[in-house]
Amino acid sequence: MPNVHPQLLLRAAILGVAIVIVQVAAVSQIVLFGTSADLLPLVVAAVGLLCGSLSGATFGFAVGLLVDAALVQTMGLTSLVFIAAGYGAGRLRELRDPQAVVIPMVVGAAATAITTFGYGLMNFMLGIDAPVSFLLLRQILATIVLNALIALPVFAVVRRWLSPALPDDPRRRRRRAYTTGGLSPLTRA
């Protein structure tokens, strides 16, 4: 991740390794509503929302490589779709600076949809045979809905973990200066 503090890099690396282990070993084994949750696109999108597009894409690439190595899949396929999810979430932060409470849910659902459909499309383009049916589409939609429901707590945990290492955002610092009782720049006496 370019121009980042070493503490942020260390925290992101620990988060990436931990989330891959938790997803592969535990969360993928729990079935709710006929599907299992996928925490990986939620965490990649949360890092993108908190750190920006380049950091989100870099984190997505690293997490994707770890997942491909852990599951012995085609190397780089998951990385490619996680790069898109992390970069897209980061660009949303850089262009719009969203402050609404539901943003993690919307971004989490979008990241899950991008990664799920993107991974399926990449497998199809590489010629890997997989059964396609209405049940697969139902399972994909159930995963997107389930991930949207758990996106808020996942985002809160990621923000809590990364917040000591995140640099101050100058836009937020400027807004807070006027609400803390300081003088407005319009009243210079």
Protein backbone atom coordinates (compact mmCIF):
# COMPACT_ATOMS: atom_id res chain seq x y z
CA MET A 1 0.00 0.00 0.00
CA PRO A 2 1.63 3.24 -1.13
CA ASN A 3 2.43 6.06 1.33
CA VAL A 4 1.09 4.24 4.33
CA HIS A 5 2.34 4.13 7.86
CA PRO A 6 4.18 0.94 8.79
CA GLN A 7 1.66 0.35 11.58
CA LEU A 8 -1.22 0.46 9.06
CA LEU A 9 0.61 -1.97 6.79
CA LEU A 10 1.19 -4.35 9.70
CA ARG A 11 -2.43 -4.12 10.86
CA ALA A 12 -3.71 -4.71 7.31
CA ALA A 13 -1.44 -7.74 6.89
CA ILE A 14 -2.62 -9.24 10.18
CA LEU A 15 -6.24 -8.53 9.21
CA GLY A 16 -5.79 -10.17 5.81
CA VAL A 17 -4.24 -13.36 7.16
CA ALA A 18 -6.74 -13.59 10.01
CA ILE A 19 -9.82 -13.07 7.82
CA VAL A 20 -8.68 -15.70 5.30
CA ILE A 21 -8.12 -18.23 8.09
CA VAL A 22 -11.47 -17.43 9.73
CA GLN A 23 -13.33 -17.60 6.41
CA VAL A 24 -11.78 -20.85 5.22
CA ALA A 25 -11.78 -22.66 8.56
CA ALA A 26 -15.00 -21.50 10.22
CA VAL A 27 -17.40 -19.19 8.40
CA SER A 28 -17.62 -21.23 5.21
CA GLN A 29 -18.81 -24.20 7.30
CA ILE A 30 -21.81 -22.34 8.78
CA VAL A 31 -24.95 -22.47 6.62
CA LEU A 32 -27.68 -19.84 7.02
CA PHE A 33 -30.67 -19.57 4.66
CA GLY A 34 -29.15 -22.22 2.39
CA THR A 35 -25.84 -20.41 1.94
CA SER A 36 -22.77 -19.42 3.90
CA ALA A 37 -21.55 -15.88 4.45
CA ASP A 38 -18.49 -14.63 2.60
CA LEU A 39 -16.58 -12.19 4.81
CA LEU A 40 -13.75 -11.61 2.34
CA PRO A 41 -15.45 -9.13 -0.02
CA LEU A 42 -16.88 -7.29 3.00
CA VAL A 43 -13.45 -6.84 4.57
CA VAL A 44 -11.87 -5.83 1.25
CA ALA A 45 -14.62 -3.25 0.70
CA ALA A 46 -14.26 -1.97 4.28
CA VAL A 47 -10.52 -1.46 3.81
CA GLY A 48 -11.25 0.35 0.55
CA LEU A 49 -13.80 2.60 2.26
CA LEU A 50 -11.41 3.39 5.10
CA CYS A 51 -8.07 3.67 3.30
CA GLY A 52 -8.81 4.63 -0.31
CA SER A 53 -8.78 3.04 -3.73
CA LEU A 54 -5.13 2.11 -4.10
CA SER A 55 -4.90 0.62 -0.62
CA GLY A 56 -8.20 -1.23 -1.13
CA ALA A 57 -7.02 -2.69 -4.44
CA THR A 58 -3.67 -3.73 -2.96
CA PHE A 59 -5.36 -5.33 0.05
CA GLY A 60 -7.82 -7.10 -2.26
CA PHE A 61 -4.98 -8.49 -4.36
CA ALA A 62 -3.14 -9.82 -1.31
CA VAL A 63 -6.25 -11.38 0.23
CA GLY A 64 -7.17 -12.93 -3.12
CA LEU A 65 -3.76 -14.55 -3.44
CA LEU A 66 -4.00 -15.91 0.10
CA VAL A 67 -7.45 -17.38 -0.64
CA ASP A 68 -6.29 -18.96 -3.89
CA ALA A 69 -3.29 -20.49 -2.14
CA ALA A 70 -5.36 -21.72 0.80
CA LEU A 71 -8.05 -23.32 -1.37
CA VAL A 72 -5.63 -24.50 -4.11
CA GLN A 73 -7.52 -22.67 -6.85
CA THR A 74 -6.40 -21.00 -10.05
CA MET A 75 -3.89 -18.42 -8.79
CA GLY A 76 -4.86 -14.82 -9.37
CA LEU A 77 -8.52 -15.31 -10.21
CA THR A 78 -9.84 -14.28 -6.82
CA SER A 79 -7.25 -11.51 -6.68
CA LEU A 80 -8.58 -10.00 -9.87
CA VAL A 81 -12.14 -9.73 -8.62
CA PHE A 82 -11.05 -8.52 -5.16
CA ILE A 83 -8.97 -5.79 -6.79
CA ALA A 84 -12.16 -4.51 -8.46
CA ALA A 85 -14.11 -4.61 -5.19
CA GLY A 86 -11.42 -2.85 -3.14
CA TYR A 87 -10.74 -0.24 -5.79
CA GLY A 88 -14.44 0.50 -6.31
CA ALA A 89 -15.08 0.97 -2.60
CA GLY A 90 -12.04 3.20 -2.30
CA ARG A 91 -13.07 5.34 -5.26
CA LEU A 92 -16.48 5.82 -3.69
CA ARG A 93 -14.74 7.16 -0.58
CA GLU A 94 -12.46 9.44 -2.59
CA LEU A 95 -15.13 10.86 -4.88
CA ARG A 96 -18.19 11.10 -2.65
CA ASP A 97 -16.99 10.77 0.97
CA PRO A 98 -20.18 8.94 2.00
CA GLN A 99 -21.31 9.48 5.58
CA ALA A 100 -24.64 7.60 5.64
CA VAL A 101 -25.09 4.70 8.04
CA VAL A 102 -26.25 2.30 5.30
CA ILE A 103 -23.18 2.82 3.10
CA PRO A 104 -21.37 -0.30 4.45
CA MET A 105 -24.47 -2.39 3.68
CA VAL A 106 -24.79 -1.07 0.14
CA VAL A 107 -21.07 -1.31 -0.57
CA GLY A 108 -20.92 -4.78 1.02
CA ALA A 109 -23.76 -6.03 -1.17
CA ALA A 110 -22.16 -4.49 -4.26
CA ALA A 111 -18.74 -5.94 -3.43
CA THR A 112 -20.27 -9.38 -2.87
CA ALA A 113 -22.14 -9.17 -6.18
CA ILE A 114 -19.03 -8.02 -8.04
CA THR A 115 -16.83 -10.74 -6.59
CA THR A 116 -19.37 -13.55 -6.95
CA PHE A 117 -20.44 -12.77 -10.51
CA GLY A 118 -16.89 -11.78 -11.50
CA TYR A 119 -15.43 -15.02 -10.22
CA GLY A 120 -18.11 -17.03 -12.05
CA LEU A 121 -17.51 -15.07 -15.24
CA MET A 122 -13.76 -15.57 -15.04
CA ASN A 123 -14.21 -19.31 -14.50
CA PHE A 124 -16.53 -19.44 -17.51
CA MET A 125 -14.06 -17.51 -19.68
CA LEU A 126 -11.24 -19.87 -18.68
CA GLY A 127 -13.36 -22.85 -19.67
CA ILE A 128 -13.73 -24.35 -16.20
CA ASP A 129 -16.92 -26.39 -16.27
CA ALA A 130 -19.43 -25.69 -13.53
CA PRO A 131 -23.12 -26.50 -13.36
CA VAL A 132 -25.30 -23.44 -13.94
CA SER A 133 -28.87 -23.60 -12.73
CA PHE A 134 -31.58 -21.62 -11.00
CA LEU A 135 -30.38 -23.00 -7.66
CA LEU A 136 -26.96 -21.42 -8.22
CA LEU A 137 -28.56 -18.04 -8.90
CA ARG A 138 -30.70 -18.41 -5.77
CA GLN A 139 -27.63 -19.22 -3.71
CA ILE A 140 -25.74 -16.21 -5.12
CA LEU A 141 -28.64 -13.88 -4.29
CA ALA A 142 -28.93 -15.39 -0.80
CA THR A 143 -25.21 -14.78 -0.24
CA ILE A 144 -25.56 -11.15 -1.35
CA VAL A 145 -28.49 -10.58 1.02
CA LEU A 146 -26.75 -12.34 3.92
CA ASN A 147 -23.57 -10.32 3.37
CA ALA A 148 -25.57 -7.09 3.24
CA LEU A 149 -27.08 -7.97 6.62
CA ILE A 150 -23.73 -8.65 8.28
CA ALA A 151 -21.86 -5.80 6.57
CA LEU A 152 -22.36 -3.28 9.40
CA PRO A 153 -20.74 -5.36 12.16
CA VAL A 154 -17.91 -6.44 9.84
CA PHE A 155 -17.25 -2.81 8.86
CA ALA A 156 -17.30 -1.77 12.52
CA VAL A 157 -14.74 -4.45 13.45
CA VAL A 158 -12.45 -3.50 10.55
CA ARG A 159 -12.73 0.21 11.40
CA ARG A 160 -11.99 -0.54 15.07
CA TRP A 161 -8.94 -2.61 14.11
CA LEU A 162 -7.50 -0.12 11.59
CA SER A 163 -8.47 3.20 13.25
CA PRO A 164 -5.34 3.56 15.47
CA ALA A 165 -3.17 3.43 12.35
CA LEU A 166 -5.31 5.49 9.96
CA PRO A 167 -4.05 9.00 9.23
CA ASP A 168 -6.39 11.88 10.00
CA ASP A 169 -8.58 12.91 7.11
CA PRO A 170 -8.04 16.65 6.54
CA ARG A 171 -11.65 17.10 5.36
CA ARG A 172 -13.02 15.72 8.63
CA ARG A 173 -10.54 17.67 10.72
CA ARG A 174 -11.60 20.90 9.03
CA ARG A 175 -15.28 20.21 9.71
CA ARG A 176 -14.70 19.44 13.38
CA ALA A 177 -12.79 22.67 14.03
CA TYR A 178 -15.94 24.79 13.74
CA THR A 179 -18.15 22.56 15.87
CA THR A 180 -15.83 22.49 18.88
CA GLY A 181 -16.48 26.08 19.83
CA GLY A 182 -13.69 27.63 17.79
CA LEU A 183 -14.20 30.92 16.01
CA SER A 184 -15.55 30.90 12.52
CA PRO A 185 -13.20 32.31 9.86
CA LEU A 186 -15.94 34.83 9.06
CA THR A 187 -15.70 36.50 12.48
CA ARG A 188 -12.14 37.77 12.70
CA ALA A 189 -12.00 40.41 15.36
